[in-house]
Amino acid sequence: MSSSPYNIRKILLTGPPGVGKTTLVQKACSVLKEKGLPTSGFFTEEIREGRQRVGFNVVTVDGKTGPLARLSTNCDPRTLERMPRVGQYAVDKESFESLALPSLKAQSCTVIILDEIGKMEMFSESFKQEVLKVFAGPNVVLATIPMPKGKPIPFIESLKKRPDVKIITVTRENRNSLENEVTLPLLTMNKQR
């Protein structure tokens, strides 16, 4: 399904893990803030000890930080049994919801950042409902989604099929040249709001 550039309101970045999607979103967010556009939402960031990734944090656009996931081996065994898992990581759903959900409900913001709509985040039914509201609303959205490995995730596939969505695949070859391709449409979309 092809979309007219005039009705695009949401940009989804996809690509393999570690390719630079979050970095690209953070750069775009900085430009939007410089231009004075009210922006809300969240980023995910890797937590590393030396060369080993030990987990992920959720960081709101306004700077609040909390755990999203940690290596299962680093979690308290008493809480580990009730935490959902993705591979070797245990997901702290309560921490994620306490930060991410309020950041998506900002009434006065113009651009909503969702980095990322992935397996860890989707353990939260409340998050999925909030994402649907954000996508149905008038706000401009910049989000990242995982590149499908194996069976596609129906929730993400439904977002990708929306007529107001543009999907951009980030690669190692194009990641340094995409900042304008992402940021300029967001600025244009906001003017059409």
C-alpha atoms as a PDB file:
ATOM      1  CA  MET A   1       0.000   0.000   0.000  1.00  0.00           C
ATOM      2  CA  SER A   2       1.584   3.277  -0.993  1.00  0.00           C
ATOM      3  CA  SER A   3       0.976   6.499   0.881  1.00  0.00           C
ATOM      4  CA  SER A   4       0.955  10.033  -0.323  1.00  0.00           C
ATOM      5  CA  PRO A   5       3.742  11.996   1.380  1.00  0.00           C
ATOM      6  CA  TYR A   6       1.056  14.473   2.426  1.00  0.00           C
ATOM      7  CA  ASN A   7      -0.773  12.057   4.721  1.00  0.00           C
ATOM      8  CA  ILE A   8       2.274  10.512   6.437  1.00  0.00           C
ATOM      9  CA  ARG A   9       2.137  11.229  10.197  1.00  0.00           C
ATOM     10  CA  LYS A  10       4.220   8.370  11.587  1.00  0.00           C
ATOM     11  CA  ILE A  11       7.766   7.241  10.779  1.00  0.00           C
ATOM     12  CA  LEU A  12       8.901   3.743  11.745  1.00  0.00           C
ATOM     13  CA  LEU A  13      12.615   2.992  11.732  1.00  0.00           C
ATOM     14  CA  THR A  14      13.620  -0.642  11.426  1.00  0.00           C
ATOM     15  CA  GLY A  15      16.898  -2.474  11.051  1.00  0.00           C
ATOM     16  CA  PRO A  16      19.067  -5.083  12.742  1.00  0.00           C
ATOM     17  CA  PRO A  17      19.992  -4.729  16.440  1.00  0.00           C
ATOM     18  CA  GLY A  18      22.889  -2.347  17.048  1.00  0.00           C
ATOM     19  CA  VAL A  19      22.669  -0.654  13.641  1.00  0.00           C
ATOM     20  CA  GLY A  20      22.023   2.829  15.098  1.00  0.00           C
ATOM     21  CA  LYS A  21      18.232   3.268  15.203  1.00  0.00           C
ATOM     22  CA  THR A  22      18.258   4.733  18.726  1.00  0.00           C
ATOM     23  CA  THR A  23      21.154   7.064  17.900  1.00  0.00           C
ATOM     24  CA  LEU A  24      19.236   8.325  14.868  1.00  0.00           C
ATOM     25  CA  VAL A  25      16.100   8.893  16.965  1.00  0.00           C
ATOM     26  CA  GLN A  26      18.112  10.777  19.608  1.00  0.00           C
ATOM     27  CA  LYS A  27      19.650  13.031  16.933  1.00  0.00           C
ATOM     28  CA  ALA A  28      16.213  13.761  15.450  1.00  0.00           C
ATOM     29  CA  CYS A  29      14.833  14.476  18.919  1.00  0.00           C
ATOM     30  CA  SER A  30      17.619  16.995  19.555  1.00  0.00           C
ATOM     31  CA  VAL A  31      16.811  18.824  16.307  1.00  0.00           C
ATOM     32  CA  LEU A  32      13.093  18.888  17.148  1.00  0.00           C
ATOM     33  CA  LYS A  33      13.823  20.349  20.577  1.00  0.00           C
ATOM     34  CA  GLU A  34      16.150  22.969  19.018  1.00  0.00           C
ATOM     35  CA  LYS A  35      13.254  23.975  16.746  1.00  0.00           C
ATOM     36  CA  GLY A  36      11.036  24.355  19.812  1.00  0.00           C
ATOM     37  CA  LEU A  37       8.701  21.440  19.116  1.00  0.00           C
ATOM     38  CA  PRO A  38       7.242  19.907  22.274  1.00  0.00           C
ATOM     39  CA  THR A  39       8.432  16.298  22.286  1.00  0.00           C
ATOM     40  CA  SER A  40       7.613  13.432  24.624  1.00  0.00           C
ATOM     41  CA  GLY A  41       8.171   9.682  24.761  1.00  0.00           C
ATOM     42  CA  PHE A  42      11.091   7.428  25.569  1.00  0.00           C
ATOM     43  CA  PHE A  43      14.316   5.797  24.393  1.00  0.00           C
ATOM     44  CA  THR A  44      15.878   2.495  25.325  1.00  0.00           C
ATOM     45  CA  GLU A  45      19.568   2.358  26.103  1.00  0.00           C
ATOM     46  CA  GLU A  46      21.941  -0.555  26.512  1.00  0.00           C
ATOM     47  CA  ILE A  47      23.639  -1.103  29.860  1.00  0.00           C
ATOM     48  CA  ARG A  48      27.137  -2.517  29.500  1.00  0.00           C
ATOM     49  CA  GLU A  49      29.766  -3.766  31.885  1.00  0.00           C
ATOM     50  CA  GLY A  50      32.943  -3.734  29.852  1.00  0.00           C
ATOM     51  CA  ARG A  51      32.133  -5.442  26.558  1.00  0.00           C
ATOM     52  CA  GLN A  52      29.163  -7.375  27.923  1.00  0.00           C
ATOM     53  CA  ARG A  53      25.605  -6.076  27.565  1.00  0.00           C
ATOM     54  CA  VAL A  54      23.901  -6.683  30.903  1.00  0.00           C
ATOM     55  CA  GLY A  55      20.559  -5.040  30.265  1.00  0.00           C
ATOM     56  CA  PHE A  56      18.518  -2.110  29.024  1.00  0.00           C
ATOM     57  CA  ASN A  57      17.128   1.052  30.607  1.00  0.00           C
ATOM     58  CA  VAL A  58      14.110   3.071  29.577  1.00  0.00           C
ATOM     59  CA  VAL A  59      14.875   6.815  29.424  1.00  0.00           C
ATOM     60  CA  THR A  60      12.133   9.386  28.943  1.00  0.00           C
ATOM     61  CA  VAL A  61      12.668  12.362  26.658  1.00  0.00           C
ATOM     62  CA  ASP A  62      12.594  14.565  29.776  1.00  0.00           C
ATOM     63  CA  GLY A  63      15.405  12.545  31.404  1.00  0.00           C
ATOM     64  CA  LYS A  64      13.804  10.052  33.813  1.00  0.00           C
ATOM     65  CA  THR A  65      15.552   6.661  33.799  1.00  0.00           C
ATOM     66  CA  GLY A  66      14.701   3.181  35.079  1.00  0.00           C
ATOM     67  CA  PRO A  67      15.314  -0.469  34.309  1.00  0.00           C
ATOM     68  CA  LEU A  68      13.662  -2.133  31.333  1.00  0.00           C
ATOM     69  CA  ALA A  69      15.482  -5.487  31.416  1.00  0.00           C
ATOM     70  CA  ARG A  70      18.485  -7.141  33.016  1.00  0.00           C
ATOM     71  CA  LEU A  71      20.326 -10.397  32.494  1.00  0.00           C
ATOM     72  CA  SER A  72      18.318 -13.063  34.324  1.00  0.00           C
ATOM     73  CA  THR A  73      21.479 -14.118  36.157  1.00  0.00           C
ATOM     74  CA  ASN A  74      21.733 -10.615  37.685  1.00  0.00           C
ATOM     75  CA  CYS A  75      18.145 -10.516  39.028  1.00  0.00           C
ATOM     76  CA  ASP A  76      16.906 -11.241  42.520  1.00  0.00           C
ATOM     77  CA  PRO A  77      15.596 -14.841  42.403  1.00  0.00           C
ATOM     78  CA  ARG A  78      12.516 -13.815  44.445  1.00  0.00           C
ATOM     79  CA  THR A  79      11.367 -11.371  41.753  1.00  0.00           C
ATOM     80  CA  LEU A  80      12.765 -13.248  38.759  1.00  0.00           C
ATOM     81  CA  GLU A  81      10.017 -15.887  38.767  1.00  0.00           C
ATOM     82  CA  ARG A  82       7.305 -13.306  38.024  1.00  0.00           C
ATOM     83  CA  MET A  83       9.252 -11.383  35.370  1.00  0.00           C
ATOM     84  CA  PRO A  84       8.647 -12.061  31.657  1.00  0.00           C
ATOM     85  CA  ARG A  85      11.723 -13.054  29.656  1.00  0.00           C
ATOM     86  CA  VAL A  86      13.178 -12.322  26.246  1.00  0.00           C
ATOM     87  CA  GLY A  87      16.156 -14.591  25.645  1.00  0.00           C
ATOM     88  CA  GLN A  88      18.567 -14.136  28.524  1.00  0.00           C
ATOM     89  CA  TYR A  89      16.885 -10.951  29.799  1.00  0.00           C
ATOM     90  CA  ALA A  90      14.218 -10.564  32.477  1.00  0.00           C
ATOM     91  CA  VAL A  91      11.857  -7.656  31.759  1.00  0.00           C
ATOM     92  CA  ASP A  92      10.915  -5.232  34.552  1.00  0.00           C
ATOM     93  CA  LYS A  93       7.413  -4.496  33.297  1.00  0.00           C
ATOM     94  CA  GLU A  94       6.441  -2.351  36.301  1.00  0.00           C
ATOM     95  CA  SER A  95       9.464  -0.060  35.943  1.00  0.00           C
ATOM     96  CA  PHE A  96       8.903   0.247  32.194  1.00  0.00           C
ATOM     97  CA  GLU A  97       5.206   1.104  32.603  1.00  0.00           C
ATOM     98  CA  SER A  98       5.886   3.666  35.346  1.00  0.00           C
ATOM     99  CA  LEU A  99       8.106   5.665  32.974  1.00  0.00           C
ATOM    100  CA  ALA A 100       6.917   4.920  29.443  1.00  0.00           C
ATOM    101  CA  LEU A 101       3.150   5.196  29.894  1.00  0.00           C
ATOM    102  CA  PRO A 102       3.076   8.750  31.318  1.00  0.00           C
ATOM    103  CA  SER A 103       5.511   9.873  28.608  1.00  0.00           C
ATOM    104  CA  LEU A 104       3.020   8.791  25.922  1.00  0.00           C
ATOM    105  CA  LYS A 105       0.100  10.654  27.476  1.00  0.00           C
ATOM    106  CA  ALA A 106       1.603  14.140  27.262  1.00  0.00           C
ATOM    107  CA  GLN A 107      -1.307  16.246  26.026  1.00  0.00           C
ATOM    108  CA  SER A 108       0.724  19.254  24.935  1.00  0.00           C
ATOM    109  CA  CYS A 109       3.424  17.504  22.955  1.00  0.00           C
ATOM    110  CA  THR A 110       3.651  17.572  19.196  1.00  0.00           C
ATOM    111  CA  VAL A 111       6.005  14.669  18.506  1.00  0.00           C
ATOM    112  CA  ILE A 112       5.897  11.323  20.301  1.00  0.00           C
ATOM    113  CA  ILE A 113       9.078   9.225  20.421  1.00  0.00           C
ATOM    114  CA  LEU A 114       8.697   5.444  20.813  1.00  0.00           C
ATOM    115  CA  ASP A 115      12.088   3.740  20.921  1.00  0.00           C
ATOM    116  CA  GLU A 116      11.229   0.906  20.778  1.00  0.00           C
ATOM    117  CA  ILE A 117       8.035  -1.023  20.090  1.00  0.00           C
ATOM    118  CA  GLY A 118       9.592  -4.454  20.588  1.00  0.00           C
ATOM    119  CA  LYS A 119       9.171  -7.792  22.323  1.00  0.00           C
ATOM    120  CA  MET A 120      10.227  -6.530  25.761  1.00  0.00           C
ATOM    121  CA  GLU A 121       7.900  -3.537  25.688  1.00  0.00           C
ATOM    122  CA  MET A 122       4.964  -5.569  24.389  1.00  0.00           C
ATOM    123  CA  PHE A 123       4.752  -7.650  27.561  1.00  0.00           C
ATOM    124  CA  SER A 124       2.779  -4.629  28.785  1.00  0.00           C
ATOM    125  CA  GLU A 125      -0.818  -4.702  27.565  1.00  0.00           C
ATOM    126  CA  SER A 126      -1.194  -1.126  28.865  1.00  0.00           C
ATOM    127  CA  PHE A 127       1.694  -0.059  26.634  1.00  0.00           C
ATOM    128  CA  LYS A 128       0.141  -1.702  23.583  1.00  0.00           C
ATOM    129  CA  GLN A 129      -3.151   0.102  24.243  1.00  0.00           C
ATOM    130  CA  GLU A 130      -1.328   3.434  24.642  1.00  0.00           C
ATOM    131  CA  VAL A 131       0.573   2.856  21.369  1.00  0.00           C
ATOM    132  CA  LEU A 132      -2.726   2.290  19.563  1.00  0.00           C
ATOM    133  CA  LYS A 133      -4.082   5.562  21.000  1.00  0.00           C
ATOM    134  CA  VAL A 134      -0.925   7.437  19.965  1.00  0.00           C
ATOM    135  CA  PHE A 135      -1.126   6.055  16.418  1.00  0.00           C
ATOM    136  CA  ALA A 136      -4.834   6.924  16.201  1.00  0.00           C
ATOM    137  CA  GLY A 137      -4.234  10.477  17.416  1.00  0.00           C
ATOM    138  CA  PRO A 138      -3.051  13.623  15.643  1.00  0.00           C
ATOM    139  CA  ASN A 139       0.526  13.599  16.924  1.00  0.00           C
ATOM    140  CA  VAL A 140       3.522  13.061  14.723  1.00  0.00           C
ATOM    141  CA  VAL A 141       5.283   9.831  15.764  1.00  0.00           C
ATOM    142  CA  LEU A 142       8.866   8.654  15.398  1.00  0.00           C
ATOM    143  CA  ALA A 143       9.235   5.029  16.473  1.00  0.00           C
ATOM    144  CA  THR A 144      11.595   2.115  16.110  1.00  0.00           C
ATOM    145  CA  ILE A 145      10.518  -1.449  15.496  1.00  0.00           C
ATOM    146  CA  PRO A 146      12.574  -4.635  15.315  1.00  0.00           C
ATOM    147  CA  MET A 147      13.484  -6.153  12.001  1.00  0.00           C
ATOM    148  CA  PRO A 148      11.428  -9.340  11.744  1.00  0.00           C
ATOM    149  CA  LYS A 149      13.296 -12.574  12.429  1.00  0.00           C
ATOM    150  CA  GLY A 150      11.116 -15.543  11.683  1.00  0.00           C
ATOM    151  CA  LYS A 151       7.424 -15.106  12.402  1.00  0.00           C
ATOM    152  CA  PRO A 152       6.241 -11.451  12.220  1.00  0.00           C
ATOM    153  CA  ILE A 153       4.676  -9.880  15.323  1.00  0.00           C
ATOM    154  CA  PRO A 154       0.991  -9.171  14.469  1.00  0.00           C
ATOM    155  CA  PHE A 155       0.847  -5.990  16.571  1.00  0.00           C
ATOM    156  CA  ILE A 156       3.820  -4.460  14.753  1.00  0.00           C
ATOM    157  CA  GLU A 157       2.568  -5.660  11.371  1.00  0.00           C
ATOM    158  CA  SER A 158      -0.728  -3.819  11.965  1.00  0.00           C
ATOM    159  CA  LEU A 159       1.174  -0.566  12.637  1.00  0.00           C
ATOM    160  CA  LYS A 160       3.265  -1.018   9.492  1.00  0.00           C
ATOM    161  CA  LYS A 161       0.135  -1.382   7.327  1.00  0.00           C
ATOM    162  CA  ARG A 162      -1.368   1.947   8.363  1.00  0.00           C
ATOM    163  CA  PRO A 163      -1.734   4.412   5.444  1.00  0.00           C
ATOM    164  CA  ASP A 164      -0.165   7.238   7.488  1.00  0.00           C
ATOM    165  CA  VAL A 165       3.098   5.333   8.144  1.00  0.00           C
ATOM    166  CA  LYS A 166       6.448   5.561   6.373  1.00  0.00           C
ATOM    167  CA  ILE A 167       8.968   2.779   7.068  1.00  0.00           C
ATOM    168  CA  ILE A 168      12.691   3.505   6.807  1.00  0.00           C
ATOM    169  CA  THR A 169      15.224   0.677   7.035  1.00  0.00           C
ATOM    170  CA  VAL A 170      18.438   1.700   8.799  1.00  0.00           C
ATOM    171  CA  THR A 171      21.635  -0.036   7.676  1.00  0.00           C
ATOM    172  CA  ARG A 172      25.315   0.435   8.482  1.00  0.00           C
ATOM    173  CA  GLU A 173      25.707   1.938   5.004  1.00  0.00           C
ATOM    174  CA  ASN A 174      22.934   4.562   5.275  1.00  0.00           C
ATOM    175  CA  ARG A 175      22.700   5.324   9.011  1.00  0.00           C
ATOM    176  CA  ASN A 176      24.926   8.416   8.871  1.00  0.00           C
ATOM    177  CA  SER A 177      22.985   9.956   5.988  1.00  0.00           C
ATOM    178  CA  LEU A 178      19.449   9.460   7.320  1.00  0.00           C
ATOM    179  CA  GLU A 179      19.210  12.307   9.836  1.00  0.00           C
ATOM    180  CA  ASN A 180      17.684  14.765   7.351  1.00  0.00           C
ATOM    181  CA  GLU A 181      15.471  12.073   5.799  1.00  0.00           C
ATOM    182  CA  VAL A 182      13.984  11.476   9.249  1.00  0.00           C
ATOM    183  CA  THR A 183      13.990  14.984  10.738  1.00  0.00           C
ATOM    184  CA  LEU A 184      12.757  17.100   7.802  1.00  0.00           C
ATOM    185  CA  PRO A 185       9.510  15.141   7.329  1.00  0.00           C
ATOM    186  CA  LEU A 186       8.827  15.366  11.086  1.00  0.00           C
ATOM    187  CA  LEU A 187       9.145  19.154  10.895  1.00  0.00           C
ATOM    188  CA  THR A 188       6.954  19.261   7.775  1.00  0.00           C
ATOM    189  CA  MET A 189       4.336  16.945   9.304  1.00  0.00           C
ATOM    190  CA  ASN A 190       4.104  19.190  12.321  1.00  0.00           C
ATOM    191  CA  LYS A 191       3.378  22.245  10.161  1.00  0.00           C
ATOM    192  CA  GLN A 192       0.530  20.343   8.487  1.00  0.00           C
ATOM    193  CA  ARG A 193      -0.971  19.409  11.838  1.00  0.00           C
END
